[in-house]
Amino acid sequence: MNKFITLLSLATLVSILSISPVFSPVSQAVAMEKPRVAILEPKVSDKVSNTSRKHLNLEKLQAEMESSFLSTRKFDVVTRNKSSLQVIRDEQKFAESDLAAGDAAESGALQNADYLINSKVHVFGFYTVTKKVPNLQSKYFRTDHGVLEINAQVLDTKTGKVTTTFNLKSSFSTKQRMVNSKNGTPSPEQFTKLAKNISGQMADQFLDLVFPVMIIKVSGNKVYLNRGKDGGFKKGMLLNVYSPGESLIDPYTGEDLGSAEEYVGQIKVDRINPKMTTATFNPEKMEGDVGTGYIVRKP
């Protein structure tokens, strides 16, 4: 009888286990909400001349900034572009009419940002230099030049504090070429390159502030990093590795000043995947052991 009861209990247990859902680590994980970032329309310093302003496409610059933050895949970008907001507002009004199902975002229901990027163009130049070609009529040597310098503040919308500031600069100079006129301006494509470069710098620096690059796995002489194509890495690039230390607290303000990081060596980028990067130890530059959770920074 006892043997029968034991067998029955085991059968019941097997039956329960067979219909119980199996939760993988992925299904149990709670998705982290991405920080929301809004890029305000850049302002322009009075130092920028009216002539230069004609070539300063602020809407393009703002769009490139939004694109750079989106490409990191670490942030949700909420628009503050005036024309985009007007389009959304028009759609909301349409949804409120008797012509639509009314399932557009309700007025007053747009998401707020956790961080505002408030930028100002301090220096902008976009010009052409020409020089007469000796002994050739109506022929000139021409080079195009451009420079863009921006100061950007990161504002925490919950506290109103300035989290950090960035000073960003990009420039170009084309190769000399022969043209038929001494007039002209650089191609708009050159401005796009300036805007992309500045925007990429801004996104990279802010990403390093909020989500520093970390080692997520060590396997033999190889390490895996939590950043891929969004990290701005290149194959063969050398990166510094730091061990995370205890937090340093300002005794007067109680502010967390960061951790007491210690340099332990260098790694060399081996392979860049869309979402993670692999690197190998540089034996000649290693001064200590490396483990999961160690911080990685560009020299």
Protein backbone atom coordinates (compact mmCIF):
# COMPACT_ATOMS: atom_id res chain seq x y z
CA MET A 1 0.00 0.00 0.00
CA ASN A 2 2.79 2.41 0.95
CA LYS A 3 4.58 1.53 -2.27
CA PHE A 4 1.40 2.31 -4.26
CA ILE A 5 1.00 5.68 -2.52
CA THR A 6 4.64 6.52 -3.22
CA LEU A 7 4.28 5.68 -6.92
CA LEU A 8 1.06 7.70 -7.12
CA SER A 9 2.75 10.71 -5.51
CA LEU A 10 5.66 10.54 -7.95
CA ALA A 11 3.28 10.30 -10.91
CA THR A 12 1.36 13.33 -9.66
CA LEU A 13 4.59 15.30 -9.24
CA VAL A 14 5.77 14.40 -12.76
CA SER A 15 2.39 15.45 -14.14
CA ILE A 16 2.57 18.83 -12.39
CA LEU A 17 6.11 19.46 -13.60
CA SER A 18 5.18 18.52 -17.17
CA ILE A 19 2.52 21.24 -17.37
CA SER A 20 4.36 23.91 -15.37
CA PRO A 21 5.83 26.67 -17.56
CA VAL A 22 9.59 26.79 -17.75
CA PHE A 23 10.90 30.34 -17.29
CA SER A 24 14.17 31.12 -19.01
CA PRO A 25 16.40 33.94 -17.71
CA VAL A 26 15.26 36.00 -20.68
CA SER A 27 11.56 35.61 -19.88
CA GLN A 28 12.14 36.41 -16.22
CA ALA A 29 14.22 39.48 -16.92
CA VAL A 30 12.50 42.79 -16.46
CA ALA A 31 13.18 45.08 -19.39
CA MET A 32 14.84 48.29 -18.27
CA GLU A 33 13.17 51.45 -19.45
CA LYS A 34 15.50 53.47 -21.62
CA PRO A 35 16.28 57.05 -20.57
CA ARG A 36 14.37 59.53 -22.72
CA VAL A 37 16.39 62.30 -24.35
CA ALA A 38 15.12 65.42 -26.11
CA ILE A 39 17.37 67.49 -28.37
CA LEU A 40 16.42 71.15 -28.25
CA GLU A 41 16.90 73.28 -31.36
CA PRO A 42 20.48 74.61 -31.23
CA LYS A 43 20.93 78.31 -30.54
CA VAL A 44 23.49 80.51 -32.28
CA SER A 45 25.99 82.87 -30.68
CA ASP A 46 26.08 86.52 -31.72
CA LYS A 47 29.69 85.92 -32.70
CA VAL A 48 28.57 83.95 -35.76
CA SER A 49 28.33 86.36 -38.70
CA ASN A 50 25.18 86.85 -40.74
CA THR A 51 27.04 85.62 -43.82
CA SER A 52 27.90 82.34 -42.12
CA ARG A 53 24.36 81.91 -40.74
CA LYS A 54 23.07 81.58 -44.30
CA HIS A 55 24.84 78.20 -44.49
CA LEU A 56 24.03 77.08 -40.94
CA ASN A 57 21.20 74.54 -41.21
CA LEU A 58 19.98 74.23 -37.61
CA GLU A 59 17.17 71.83 -38.50
CA LYS A 60 19.66 69.51 -40.15
CA LEU A 61 21.98 69.78 -37.15
CA GLN A 62 19.15 68.93 -34.74
CA ALA A 63 18.10 65.96 -36.90
CA GLU A 64 21.66 64.59 -36.95
CA MET A 65 21.84 64.89 -33.16
CA GLU A 66 18.60 62.93 -32.80
CA SER A 67 19.86 60.31 -35.25
CA SER A 68 23.14 59.87 -33.34
CA PHE A 69 21.35 59.28 -30.04
CA LEU A 70 18.94 56.84 -31.69
CA SER A 71 21.80 54.87 -33.25
CA THR A 72 23.23 54.10 -29.79
CA ARG A 73 20.09 52.00 -29.07
CA LYS A 74 20.45 53.00 -25.43
CA PHE A 75 18.05 55.97 -25.44
CA ASP A 76 14.52 56.79 -26.48
CA VAL A 77 14.53 60.10 -28.34
CA VAL A 78 11.47 62.32 -27.98
CA THR A 79 11.31 65.07 -30.56
CA ARG A 80 11.36 68.76 -29.82
CA ASN A 81 11.62 69.70 -33.48
CA LYS A 82 8.99 72.37 -34.09
CA SER A 83 7.88 71.08 -37.48
CA SER A 84 7.64 67.49 -36.18
CA LEU A 85 5.61 68.59 -33.15
CA GLN A 86 3.27 70.52 -35.44
CA VAL A 87 2.72 67.39 -37.55
CA ILE A 88 1.89 65.43 -34.38
CA ARG A 89 -0.48 68.17 -33.24
CA ASP A 90 -2.23 68.16 -36.61
CA GLU A 91 -2.70 64.39 -36.37
CA GLN A 92 -4.14 64.73 -32.87
CA LYS A 93 -6.67 67.26 -34.12
CA PHE A 94 -7.57 64.92 -36.96
CA ALA A 95 -8.02 62.06 -34.47
CA GLU A 96 -10.43 64.22 -32.49
CA SER A 97 -12.59 64.78 -35.57
CA ASP A 98 -15.44 62.53 -36.73
CA LEU A 99 -13.31 61.35 -39.65
CA ALA A 100 -10.89 59.19 -37.63
CA ALA A 101 -10.95 56.29 -35.18
CA GLY A 102 -9.39 58.54 -32.55
CA ASP A 103 -6.49 56.27 -31.64
CA ALA A 104 -3.71 58.84 -32.06
CA ALA A 105 -1.80 60.06 -29.02
CA GLU A 106 -4.09 62.18 -26.90
CA SER A 107 -3.35 65.84 -26.46
CA GLY A 108 -1.21 66.25 -23.35
CA ALA A 109 -0.13 62.59 -23.39
CA LEU A 110 3.26 62.92 -25.09
CA GLN A 111 6.15 61.59 -23.05
CA ASN A 112 8.45 63.89 -21.14
CA ALA A 113 12.23 63.67 -21.42
CA ASP A 114 14.60 62.61 -18.65
CA TYR A 115 17.41 64.65 -20.19
CA LEU A 116 17.44 67.77 -22.35
CA ILE A 117 20.36 68.51 -24.65
CA ASN A 118 20.68 72.29 -24.84
CA SER A 119 23.32 73.33 -27.36
CA LYS A 120 24.70 76.56 -28.77
CA VAL A 121 26.83 77.17 -31.85
CA HIS A 122 29.76 79.35 -30.80
CA VAL A 123 31.90 79.17 -33.94
CA PHE A 124 30.83 78.47 -37.50
CA GLY A 125 32.72 79.11 -40.68
CA PHE A 126 31.86 77.82 -44.17
CA TYR A 127 33.88 79.41 -46.93
CA THR A 128 36.00 79.02 -50.05
CA VAL A 129 39.53 80.27 -50.72
CA THR A 130 40.59 80.82 -54.34
CA LYS A 131 43.89 81.76 -55.92
CA LYS A 132 44.50 82.81 -59.53
CA VAL A 133 46.26 80.20 -61.65
CA PRO A 134 49.35 81.80 -63.23
CA ASN A 135 49.26 82.20 -67.03
CA LEU A 136 45.73 80.79 -67.37
CA GLN A 137 42.81 83.11 -67.91
CA SER A 138 39.67 82.51 -65.77
CA LYS A 139 41.26 79.61 -63.93
CA TYR A 140 41.57 79.42 -60.14
CA PHE A 141 42.84 77.06 -57.49
CA ARG A 142 40.08 76.51 -54.95
CA THR A 143 39.91 74.96 -51.49
CA ASP A 144 36.82 74.70 -49.29
CA HIS A 145 36.94 75.09 -45.53
CA GLY A 146 34.54 74.71 -42.66
CA VAL A 147 34.53 74.69 -38.87
CA LEU A 148 31.75 74.07 -36.36
CA GLU A 149 32.13 74.45 -32.59
CA ILE A 150 29.29 73.75 -30.17
CA ASN A 151 28.87 73.95 -26.43
CA ALA A 152 26.18 71.59 -25.13
CA GLN A 153 24.57 71.25 -21.70
CA VAL A 154 22.88 68.11 -20.45
CA LEU A 155 19.97 69.07 -18.19
CA ASP A 156 18.31 66.63 -15.78
CA THR A 157 14.58 67.41 -16.01
CA LYS A 158 13.82 65.90 -12.60
CA THR A 159 16.28 68.07 -10.68
CA GLY A 160 16.92 70.95 -13.09
CA LYS A 161 20.65 70.42 -12.64
CA VAL A 162 23.27 70.71 -15.36
CA THR A 163 24.53 67.12 -15.44
CA THR A 164 27.51 67.84 -17.66
CA THR A 165 28.72 70.06 -20.49
CA PHE A 166 30.41 69.16 -23.76
CA ASN A 167 32.66 71.30 -25.93
CA LEU A 168 32.62 69.82 -29.41
CA LYS A 169 34.48 70.77 -32.57
CA SER A 170 34.62 69.55 -36.16
CA SER A 171 36.33 70.99 -39.23
CA PHE A 172 37.33 70.17 -42.80
CA SER A 173 39.57 71.41 -45.60
CA THR A 174 39.28 70.01 -49.11
CA LYS A 175 42.13 69.34 -51.49
CA GLN A 176 43.05 72.10 -53.89
CA ARG A 177 41.35 71.84 -57.27
CA MET A 178 41.13 73.97 -60.42
CA VAL A 179 37.85 75.80 -61.15
CA ASN A 180 36.55 78.35 -63.64
CA SER A 181 35.29 80.91 -61.13
CA LYS A 182 36.52 82.46 -57.93
CA ASN A 183 32.99 82.50 -56.51
CA GLY A 184 31.17 79.71 -54.74
CA THR A 185 30.63 78.02 -51.39
CA PRO A 186 31.31 74.52 -50.09
CA SER A 187 28.78 71.78 -50.87
CA PRO A 188 25.89 71.25 -48.41
CA GLU A 189 27.24 67.70 -48.08
CA GLN A 190 30.22 69.17 -46.24
CA PHE A 191 27.89 70.73 -43.69
CA THR A 192 26.17 67.37 -43.24
CA LYS A 193 29.56 65.81 -42.48
CA LEU A 194 30.26 68.52 -39.89
CA ALA A 195 26.85 67.95 -38.28
CA LYS A 196 27.30 64.15 -38.22
CA ASN A 197 30.75 64.45 -36.67
CA ILE A 198 29.62 66.84 -33.95
CA SER A 199 26.51 64.77 -33.23
CA GLY A 200 28.50 61.55 -33.03
CA GLN A 201 30.92 63.10 -30.54
CA MET A 202 28.03 64.31 -28.40
CA ALA A 203 26.25 60.94 -28.34
CA ASP A 204 29.48 59.05 -27.59
CA GLN A 205 30.41 61.30 -24.67
CA PHE A 206 26.93 61.22 -23.18
CA LEU A 207 26.75 57.45 -23.63
CA ASP A 208 30.06 57.03 -21.79
CA LEU A 209 28.64 59.14 -18.97
CA VAL A 210 25.37 57.19 -18.58
CA PHE A 211 26.42 53.73 -19.83
CA PRO A 212 30.21 53.31 -19.56
CA VAL A 213 31.74 50.50 -21.60
CA MET A 214 32.17 47.39 -19.45
CA ILE A 215 33.63 43.92 -19.75
CA ILE A 216 30.73 41.47 -19.58
CA LYS A 217 32.72 38.25 -20.00
CA VAL A 218 36.32 37.02 -19.86
CA SER A 219 37.31 33.86 -21.75
CA GLY A 220 41.01 33.01 -21.88
CA ASN A 221 42.81 35.96 -23.44
CA LYS A 222 39.58 37.34 -24.90
CA VAL A 223 37.08 39.75 -23.37
CA TYR A 224 33.57 40.74 -24.43
CA LEU A 225 32.32 44.34 -24.20
CA ASN A 226 28.75 45.59 -23.83
CA ARG A 227 29.02 47.96 -26.80
CA GLY A 228 29.11 47.11 -30.49
CA LYS A 229 28.92 49.38 -33.51
CA ASP A 230 27.51 52.09 -31.25
CA GLY A 231 30.81 52.24 -29.36
CA GLY A 232 32.77 54.09 -32.02
CA PHE A 233 35.44 51.38 -32.02
CA LYS A 234 37.71 50.37 -34.87
CA LYS A 235 39.43 47.04 -35.36
CA GLY A 236 42.93 47.16 -33.86
CA MET A 237 42.08 50.07 -31.54
CA LEU A 238 43.72 49.95 -28.10
CA LEU A 239 41.46 50.51 -25.08
CA ASN A 240 42.39 51.09 -21.45
CA VAL A 241 40.92 48.85 -18.75
CA TYR A 242 40.22 50.00 -15.18
CA SER A 243 39.13 48.07 -12.11
CA PRO A 244 36.07 49.61 -10.42
CA GLY A 245 36.85 50.78 -6.91
CA GLU A 246 34.83 52.12 -4.03
CA SER A 247 32.74 55.25 -4.50
CA LEU A 248 34.38 58.53 -3.55
CA ILE A 249 32.08 60.84 -1.61
CA ASP A 250 32.66 64.57 -1.17
CA PRO A 251 32.70 65.08 2.63
CA TYR A 252 31.21 68.58 2.33
CA THR A 253 28.35 67.97 -0.09
CA GLY A 254 27.82 64.22 0.12
CA GLU A 255 28.04 64.08 -3.68
CA ASP A 256 29.17 60.84 -5.27
CA LEU A 257 32.31 61.81 -7.23
CA GLY A 258 32.63 58.44 -8.95
CA SER A 259 34.66 55.34 -8.20
CA ALA A 260 38.36 55.11 -7.46
CA GLU A 261 39.27 53.39 -10.71
CA GLU A 262 42.70 51.79 -11.08
CA TYR A 263 44.41 51.19 -14.41
CA VAL A 264 45.11 47.49 -15.03
CA GLY A 265 46.13 47.36 -18.68
CA GLN A 266 45.12 47.53 -22.33
CA ILE A 267 43.06 45.42 -24.67
CA LYS A 268 42.99 45.41 -28.48
CA VAL A 269 39.72 45.45 -30.41
CA ASP A 270 39.42 42.22 -32.38
CA ARG A 271 35.87 42.08 -33.71
CA ILE A 272 32.96 44.52 -33.72
CA ASN A 273 29.46 43.04 -33.78
CA PRO A 274 26.22 45.04 -33.95
CA LYS A 275 25.62 44.89 -30.18
CA MET A 276 28.91 43.73 -28.61
CA THR A 277 32.66 43.83 -29.22
CA THR A 278 35.40 41.28 -28.60
CA ALA A 279 38.97 42.24 -27.72
CA THR A 280 42.17 40.49 -26.71
CA PHE A 281 44.66 41.27 -23.96
CA ASN A 282 47.77 43.25 -24.85
CA PRO A 283 50.33 41.22 -22.79
CA GLU A 284 52.96 43.96 -22.80
CA LYS A 285 50.51 46.46 -21.28
CA MET A 286 48.82 44.33 -18.61
CA GLU A 287 49.50 45.32 -15.00
CA GLY A 288 46.84 43.23 -13.26
CA ASP A 289 44.01 40.74 -13.62
CA VAL A 290 40.85 41.65 -15.53
CA GLY A 291 37.35 40.61 -14.56
CA THR A 292 33.70 41.05 -15.39
CA GLY A 293 32.41 44.53 -14.61
CA TYR A 294 35.72 46.27 -15.28
CA ILE A 295 35.47 49.67 -17.02
CA VAL A 296 36.87 50.21 -20.52
CA ARG A 297 37.76 53.65 -21.89
CA LYS A 298 39.41 55.05 -24.98
CA PRO A 299 42.91 56.42 -24.27
